[in-house]
Amino acid sequence: MGIPARPESMVGLVDEQTLARIAAEPGVPLDWRPGSDTDVATLVGSRFGEQVVRRSVDPLLGGVYSGLSDSIGVRAALPTLAAALDRGASSLSAAVAQALPEPSPGPVFGGLRDGYGVLLDALTERAAATVLRADASGLSRSPDGKGWWIDPLGRVDGVVLAVPAPSLAALLSEVAPAASAAAARIPLASSVVVALALPDGTPLPQNSGILVATGEAVRAKAFTLSSRKWPHLAERGGALVRASFGRFGDADIVDAPDAELVAAARADLETVTGLRVDPVDAVVQRWHGGLPQYGPGHLDRVQVIEEAIGALPGLAVAGALLHGVGVPACVAAATTAATTVAEQMAR
């Protein structure tokens, strides 16, 4: 997440004084109590300085959580780093080196050629599932005590609650008040994505994307050069760029008019690349409260939720609010939840 294990990785991004500080960090005593937690900005800033926080860590965490490093906790967001520190790493540089995964021979990025809708349709078909769409307004034990009652759908044998934190808090208010209270304490960030379709031949930079450092004079936090990142999109003609806006505590940009957001995306793209574009099409997608913030103490709240739910047979919880906001983490949480409920229903 942008935390250096050695100064060479920061050359060109921070000044010489900061590079010297990174190089000297292994010799500075590290005060870390096993099991403790702090926000990422405090830990990294105290060891490497604010330039590393603003120019490297914030942009990467902003891309994942739509938050800055001062709102993200080390233990929940960077568990392998926390584990290395707990094991007694002598410095933050050493902890980062221990936490780095083994290099993978596979591609850096992976996805589905026609989007996640293809996967969802296939799963629905294979499961022979019936899809019911309704706004769930309540959850309670069924009258026979052997299942659950969901308003307005009625009785079901088992439930996996894969919903945002506020919805989870509301649905659990009667059956698991402790879990409800813990879910209600999970803060959320909103974001908005502006997709730009550009004319064929637009000379996009030869990169997959661009991250913006904290405090820069642009409103966007990142750009994905989609037709560079995903070759199959380039095969369809034209150039595609996605501009991302919105961070935790800054929701105003999310509700800006579409025309203002498209104009900001064009202006910011020109600022960071020098490329003046005239899109042939644009799409704006808002995500209100879409990303939970993994602040210090987040895992304590998750533990309360999981322990309370675990005492209620036929009920489980999944989603980005638990153990990771990325697709692999959400798939893992969903698999665990579905397996648990299916096994309980089979007894």
Protein backbone atom coordinates (compact mmCIF):
# COMPACT_ATOMS: atom_id res chain seq x y z
CA MET A 1 0.00 0.00 0.00
CA GLY A 2 2.76 2.40 -0.90
CA ILE A 3 4.91 1.86 2.19
CA PRO A 4 8.56 1.46 1.13
CA ALA A 5 10.81 -1.40 2.17
CA ARG A 6 13.80 0.47 0.73
CA PRO A 7 14.47 4.03 -0.49
CA GLU A 8 15.02 3.04 -4.14
CA SER A 9 11.29 2.47 -4.59
CA MET A 10 10.61 6.15 -3.76
CA VAL A 11 13.16 7.78 -6.08
CA GLY A 12 11.49 10.51 -8.13
CA LEU A 13 8.49 10.60 -5.81
CA VAL A 14 9.97 12.18 -2.67
CA ASP A 15 12.86 14.56 -2.00
CA GLU A 16 16.42 13.64 -1.05
CA GLN A 17 15.86 14.35 2.63
CA THR A 18 12.97 11.88 2.72
CA LEU A 19 15.01 9.29 0.83
CA ALA A 20 17.75 9.63 3.44
CA ARG A 21 15.16 9.23 6.19
CA ILE A 22 13.85 6.03 4.60
CA ALA A 23 17.40 4.69 4.30
CA ALA A 24 18.10 5.44 7.97
CA GLU A 25 14.79 4.09 9.30
CA PRO A 26 16.02 0.52 10.02
CA GLY A 27 18.42 1.98 12.61
CA VAL A 28 15.73 3.93 14.47
CA PRO A 29 14.17 2.04 17.44
CA LEU A 30 10.59 0.97 16.71
CA ASP A 31 7.97 1.32 19.44
CA TRP A 32 5.23 -1.20 18.62
CA ARG A 33 3.21 -3.14 21.17
CA PRO A 34 1.96 -6.50 19.82
CA GLY A 35 -1.82 -6.42 19.36
CA SER A 36 -1.95 -2.63 19.21
CA ASP A 37 -3.46 -0.61 16.40
CA THR A 38 -3.08 2.86 14.95
CA ASP A 39 -3.95 4.64 11.74
CA VAL A 40 -1.61 4.12 8.81
CA ALA A 41 -0.70 7.82 8.52
CA THR A 42 0.57 7.98 12.09
CA LEU A 43 2.74 4.88 11.70
CA VAL A 44 4.18 5.73 8.29
CA GLY A 45 4.54 9.46 8.94
CA SER A 46 6.45 8.86 12.16
CA ARG A 47 8.93 6.57 10.40
CA PHE A 48 9.27 7.95 6.86
CA GLY A 49 7.77 11.44 6.88
CA GLU A 50 4.74 13.15 5.41
CA GLN A 51 5.87 13.03 1.80
CA VAL A 52 5.61 9.24 1.79
CA VAL A 53 2.15 9.51 3.33
CA ARG A 54 0.81 12.12 0.88
CA ARG A 55 2.53 10.99 -2.31
CA SER A 56 2.53 7.20 -1.97
CA VAL A 57 0.33 5.80 0.78
CA ASP A 58 -2.70 8.11 0.52
CA PRO A 59 -3.15 7.64 -3.24
CA LEU A 60 -3.09 3.85 -2.96
CA LEU A 61 -5.39 3.66 0.07
CA GLY A 62 -7.67 6.23 -1.56
CA GLY A 63 -8.01 3.97 -4.56
CA VAL A 64 -9.00 0.99 -2.41
CA TYR A 65 -11.05 2.54 0.42
CA SER A 66 -11.88 6.06 -0.82
CA GLY A 67 -10.25 7.23 2.38
CA LEU A 68 -6.99 8.79 3.49
CA SER A 69 -4.44 6.98 5.59
CA ASP A 70 -5.43 8.89 8.72
CA SER A 71 -8.83 7.15 8.66
CA ILE A 72 -7.50 3.64 7.91
CA GLY A 73 -6.21 1.30 10.61
CA VAL A 74 -3.07 -0.79 10.21
CA ARG A 75 -4.50 -4.00 11.67
CA ALA A 76 -7.64 -4.24 9.52
CA ALA A 77 -6.33 -2.83 6.24
CA LEU A 78 -2.77 -4.22 6.36
CA PRO A 79 -3.04 -7.45 8.37
CA THR A 80 0.21 -8.98 7.10
CA LEU A 81 2.09 -5.83 8.08
CA ALA A 82 0.50 -5.84 11.53
CA ALA A 83 1.45 -9.51 11.91
CA ALA A 84 5.07 -8.77 11.01
CA LEU A 85 5.15 -5.95 13.55
CA ASP A 86 3.60 -8.23 16.17
CA ARG A 87 6.31 -10.82 15.50
CA GLY A 88 8.92 -8.26 16.48
CA ALA A 89 10.11 -6.73 13.22
CA SER A 90 12.99 -4.42 14.07
CA SER A 91 11.78 -1.59 11.85
CA LEU A 92 8.90 -0.64 9.59
CA SER A 93 11.12 -1.33 6.57
CA ALA A 94 11.74 -4.85 7.86
CA ALA A 95 8.04 -5.39 8.55
CA VAL A 96 7.14 -4.29 5.00
CA ALA A 97 9.74 -6.66 3.54
CA GLN A 98 8.30 -9.54 5.60
CA ALA A 99 4.73 -8.68 4.63
CA LEU A 100 5.33 -8.54 0.87
CA PRO A 101 3.78 -11.49 -0.97
CA GLU A 102 5.85 -13.79 -3.12
CA PRO A 103 6.08 -12.57 -6.74
CA SER A 104 3.38 -14.10 -8.91
CA PRO A 105 4.09 -15.32 -12.44
CA GLY A 106 0.53 -14.49 -13.47
CA PRO A 107 -0.82 -11.21 -14.82
CA VAL A 108 -1.11 -8.22 -12.52
CA PHE A 109 -4.79 -7.68 -13.37
CA GLY A 110 -7.59 -10.10 -14.09
CA GLY A 111 -11.26 -9.73 -14.87
CA LEU A 112 -14.22 -11.02 -16.83
CA ARG A 113 -14.33 -10.00 -20.48
CA ASP A 114 -17.98 -8.95 -20.36
CA GLY A 115 -18.19 -7.87 -16.72
CA TYR A 116 -19.33 -9.42 -13.46
CA GLY A 117 -22.90 -9.70 -14.71
CA VAL A 118 -21.76 -12.74 -16.70
CA LEU A 119 -20.60 -14.45 -13.51
CA LEU A 120 -23.77 -13.59 -11.59
CA ASP A 121 -25.97 -14.91 -14.41
CA ALA A 122 -23.97 -18.14 -14.56
CA LEU A 123 -24.17 -18.67 -10.79
CA THR A 124 -27.92 -18.05 -10.82
CA GLU A 125 -28.41 -20.51 -13.66
CA ARG A 126 -26.23 -23.22 -12.14
CA ALA A 127 -27.96 -22.92 -8.77
CA ALA A 128 -31.41 -22.98 -10.42
CA ALA A 129 -32.12 -20.02 -8.17
CA THR A 130 -35.20 -17.86 -8.14
CA VAL A 131 -34.34 -14.18 -7.86
CA LEU A 132 -36.77 -12.12 -5.79
CA ARG A 133 -36.29 -8.37 -5.61
CA ALA A 134 -37.74 -6.49 -2.67
CA ASP A 135 -36.66 -3.93 -0.09
CA ALA A 136 -36.13 -6.01 3.04
CA SER A 137 -37.53 -4.01 5.92
CA GLY A 138 -37.31 -6.44 8.82
CA LEU A 139 -35.76 -9.68 10.03
CA SER A 140 -37.09 -11.89 12.80
CA ARG A 141 -37.38 -15.51 13.85
CA SER A 142 -40.11 -17.39 12.01
CA PRO A 143 -43.13 -18.35 14.15
CA ASP A 144 -42.14 -22.03 14.11
CA GLY A 145 -38.70 -21.14 15.49
CA LYS A 146 -36.94 -23.17 12.78
CA GLY A 147 -36.23 -20.47 10.24
CA TRP A 148 -36.36 -16.75 9.59
CA TRP A 149 -38.97 -14.23 8.55
CA ILE A 150 -37.98 -11.47 6.14
CA ASP A 151 -40.39 -8.62 5.56
CA PRO A 152 -41.93 -8.55 3.00
CA LEU A 153 -40.79 -11.89 1.50
CA GLY A 154 -41.95 -14.19 4.31
CA ARG A 155 -40.43 -17.35 5.79
CA VAL A 156 -37.05 -18.72 4.68
CA ASP A 157 -34.85 -21.53 6.04
CA GLY A 158 -31.59 -19.57 6.06
CA VAL A 159 -30.31 -16.06 5.44
CA VAL A 160 -26.99 -14.60 4.32
CA LEU A 161 -26.98 -10.86 4.94
CA ALA A 162 -24.75 -9.38 2.22
CA VAL A 163 -25.74 -5.74 2.67
CA PRO A 164 -24.05 -2.42 3.55
CA ALA A 165 -23.38 -1.62 7.19
CA PRO A 166 -26.42 0.69 7.72
CA SER A 167 -28.79 -1.93 6.28
CA LEU A 168 -27.16 -4.63 8.38
CA ALA A 169 -27.59 -2.52 11.52
CA ALA A 170 -31.29 -2.01 10.74
CA LEU A 171 -32.01 -5.68 9.96
CA LEU A 172 -30.23 -6.94 13.09
CA SER A 173 -31.73 -4.41 15.48
CA GLU A 174 -34.14 -6.94 17.03
CA VAL A 175 -32.42 -10.30 16.60
CA ALA A 176 -28.82 -9.24 17.39
CA PRO A 177 -28.72 -5.78 18.99
CA ALA A 178 -24.99 -5.96 19.83
CA ALA A 179 -24.14 -6.76 16.23
CA SER A 180 -26.51 -4.04 15.07
CA ALA A 181 -24.77 -1.45 17.23
CA ALA A 182 -21.33 -2.56 15.99
CA ALA A 183 -22.42 -2.33 12.34
CA ALA A 184 -23.85 1.13 12.94
CA ARG A 185 -20.41 2.31 14.10
CA ILE A 186 -18.70 1.45 10.80
CA PRO A 187 -18.14 4.72 8.89
CA LEU A 188 -18.67 4.82 5.14
CA ALA A 189 -17.15 6.70 2.23
CA SER A 190 -18.92 7.71 -0.96
CA SER A 191 -17.40 7.89 -4.41
CA VAL A 192 -18.30 8.62 -8.01
CA VAL A 193 -16.80 7.31 -11.23
CA VAL A 194 -16.85 9.16 -14.54
CA ALA A 195 -16.25 6.97 -17.59
CA LEU A 196 -15.08 8.78 -20.71
CA ALA A 197 -15.21 7.28 -24.20
CA LEU A 198 -12.58 9.00 -26.33
CA PRO A 199 -12.03 8.97 -30.09
CA ASP A 200 -10.04 6.15 -31.63
CA GLY A 201 -6.35 7.00 -31.72
CA THR A 202 -6.36 9.15 -28.59
CA PRO A 203 -2.72 8.91 -27.36
CA LEU A 204 -3.23 7.78 -23.80
CA PRO A 205 -0.09 7.30 -21.67
CA GLN A 206 1.39 3.80 -21.69
CA ASN A 207 0.20 3.07 -18.15
CA SER A 208 -2.71 1.22 -16.59
CA GLY A 209 -3.62 4.19 -14.43
CA ILE A 210 -2.64 7.33 -12.55
CA LEU A 211 -2.89 8.00 -8.81
CA VAL A 212 -3.11 11.54 -7.46
CA ALA A 213 -1.20 12.61 -4.35
CA THR A 214 -2.99 14.31 -1.47
CA GLY A 215 -3.13 18.09 -1.76
CA GLU A 216 -2.74 18.33 -5.53
CA ALA A 217 -4.77 20.95 -7.40
CA VAL A 218 -7.12 18.44 -9.02
CA ARG A 219 -10.43 17.03 -7.83
CA ALA A 220 -9.97 13.47 -9.13
CA LYS A 221 -8.18 10.99 -6.89
CA ALA A 222 -7.26 8.53 -9.64
CA PHE A 223 -7.57 7.66 -13.32
CA THR A 224 -7.87 4.19 -14.77
CA LEU A 225 -6.73 4.08 -18.39
CA SER A 226 -9.17 1.27 -19.03
CA SER A 227 -8.30 0.51 -22.64
CA ARG A 228 -4.63 0.26 -21.61
CA LYS A 229 -5.33 -1.83 -18.52
CA TRP A 230 -7.73 -4.23 -20.28
CA PRO A 231 -6.55 -5.12 -23.82
CA HIS A 232 -9.92 -6.62 -24.76
CA LEU A 233 -11.49 -3.18 -24.34
CA ALA A 234 -8.97 -1.65 -26.73
CA GLU A 235 -9.94 -4.28 -29.30
CA ARG A 236 -13.44 -2.79 -29.42
CA GLY A 237 -12.16 0.54 -30.72
CA GLY A 238 -11.74 3.95 -29.14
CA ALA A 239 -10.04 4.79 -25.88
CA LEU A 240 -11.64 4.47 -22.45
CA VAL A 241 -10.70 6.38 -19.29
CA ARG A 242 -12.29 6.20 -15.85
CA ALA A 243 -11.89 9.11 -13.43
CA SER A 244 -12.59 8.48 -9.73
CA PHE A 245 -13.74 11.16 -7.28
CA GLY A 246 -14.66 11.22 -3.60
CA ARG A 247 -12.92 10.45 -0.33
CA PHE A 248 -14.09 9.79 3.20
CA GLY A 249 -15.39 13.02 4.69
CA ASP A 250 -15.76 14.69 1.30
CA ALA A 251 -19.15 13.67 -0.06
CA ASP A 252 -20.02 16.96 -1.80
CA ILE A 253 -18.26 16.00 -5.02
CA VAL A 254 -20.36 12.84 -5.26
CA ASP A 255 -23.57 14.83 -5.57
CA ALA A 256 -22.22 17.37 -8.05
CA PRO A 257 -24.17 17.56 -11.35
CA ASP A 258 -23.13 15.13 -14.07
CA ALA A 259 -21.96 17.93 -16.37
CA GLU A 260 -19.72 19.34 -13.64
CA LEU A 261 -18.17 15.94 -12.98
CA VAL A 262 -17.51 15.27 -16.66
CA ALA A 263 -15.91 18.70 -17.01
CA ALA A 264 -13.76 18.05 -13.93
CA ALA A 265 -12.65 14.68 -15.30
CA ARG A 266 -11.61 16.28 -18.60
CA ALA A 267 -9.80 19.17 -16.91
CA ASP A 268 -8.01 16.95 -14.40
CA LEU A 269 -6.95 14.48 -17.10
CA GLU A 270 -5.40 17.38 -19.02
CA THR A 271 -3.64 18.61 -15.87
CA VAL A 272 -1.99 15.28 -15.08
CA THR A 273 -1.28 14.08 -18.64
CA GLY A 274 -1.27 17.20 -20.81
CA LEU A 275 -3.91 15.51 -22.94
CA ARG A 276 -6.91 17.63 -23.97
CA VAL A 277 -9.82 15.33 -24.78
CA ASP A 278 -13.26 15.71 -26.32
CA PRO A 279 -15.27 12.63 -25.26
CA VAL A 280 -17.72 11.05 -27.65
CA ASP A 281 -19.67 9.75 -24.65
CA ALA A 282 -19.59 9.87 -20.84
CA VAL A 283 -21.27 7.94 -18.04
CA VAL A 284 -21.45 8.94 -14.35
CA GLN A 285 -21.91 6.29 -11.66
CA ARG A 286 -22.35 7.26 -7.99
CA TRP A 287 -21.73 4.98 -5.00
CA HIS A 288 -23.23 6.56 -1.88
CA GLY A 289 -21.78 4.96 1.24
CA GLY A 290 -20.23 2.28 -0.92
CA LEU A 291 -16.97 1.70 0.94
CA PRO A 292 -16.62 0.92 4.66
CA GLN A 293 -13.69 2.57 6.38
CA TYR A 294 -11.36 0.12 8.10
CA GLY A 295 -10.30 2.45 10.89
CA PRO A 296 -8.41 1.49 14.05
CA GLY A 297 -10.58 -0.90 16.04
CA HIS A 298 -12.49 -2.12 12.97
CA LEU A 299 -11.69 -5.75 13.69
CA ASP A 300 -13.17 -5.41 17.17
CA ARG A 301 -16.47 -4.34 15.63
CA VAL A 302 -16.30 -7.21 13.14
CA GLN A 303 -15.66 -9.65 15.97
CA VAL A 304 -18.79 -8.46 17.81
CA ILE A 305 -20.85 -8.89 14.64
CA GLU A 306 -19.53 -12.36 13.83
CA GLU A 307 -19.85 -13.67 17.38
CA ALA A 308 -23.43 -12.44 17.71
CA ILE A 309 -24.42 -13.85 14.31
CA GLY A 310 -22.63 -17.12 15.03
CA ALA A 311 -25.00 -17.75 17.93
CA LEU A 312 -28.01 -17.62 15.57
CA PRO A 313 -28.33 -20.82 13.46
CA GLY A 314 -29.31 -20.29 9.86
CA LEU A 315 -28.03 -16.71 9.78
CA ALA A 316 -24.72 -15.41 8.43
CA VAL A 317 -23.22 -12.16 7.22
CA ALA A 318 -20.96 -11.39 4.25
CA GLY A 319 -19.70 -8.38 2.37
CA ALA A 320 -17.06 -5.68 2.19
CA LEU A 321 -17.58 -4.56 5.80
CA LEU A 322 -15.85 -7.66 7.20
CA HIS A 323 -12.36 -8.71 6.12
CA GLY A 324 -11.61 -6.84 2.90
CA VAL A 325 -13.28 -4.65 0.30
CA GLY A 326 -11.77 -6.28 -2.79
CA VAL A 327 -13.41 -8.95 -4.91
CA PRO A 328 -11.32 -11.90 -3.57
CA ALA A 329 -12.05 -10.95 0.05
CA CYS A 330 -15.78 -10.52 -0.64
CA VAL A 331 -15.92 -13.86 -2.46
CA ALA A 332 -14.18 -15.54 0.48
CA ALA A 333 -16.59 -14.00 2.99
CA ALA A 334 -19.59 -15.02 0.88
CA THR A 335 -18.31 -18.58 0.49
CA THR A 336 -17.83 -18.93 4.23
CA ALA A 337 -21.27 -17.50 4.97
CA ALA A 338 -23.08 -19.63 2.39
CA THR A 339 -21.27 -22.79 3.49
CA THR A 340 -22.11 -22.14 7.14
CA VAL A 341 -25.81 -21.59 6.47
CA ALA A 342 -26.06 -24.58 4.11
CA GLU A 343 -24.45 -26.88 6.67
CA GLN A 344 -26.75 -25.64 9.43
CA MET A 345 -29.83 -26.09 7.26
CA ALA A 346 -28.79 -29.67 6.45
CA ARG A 347 -28.74 -30.76 10.10
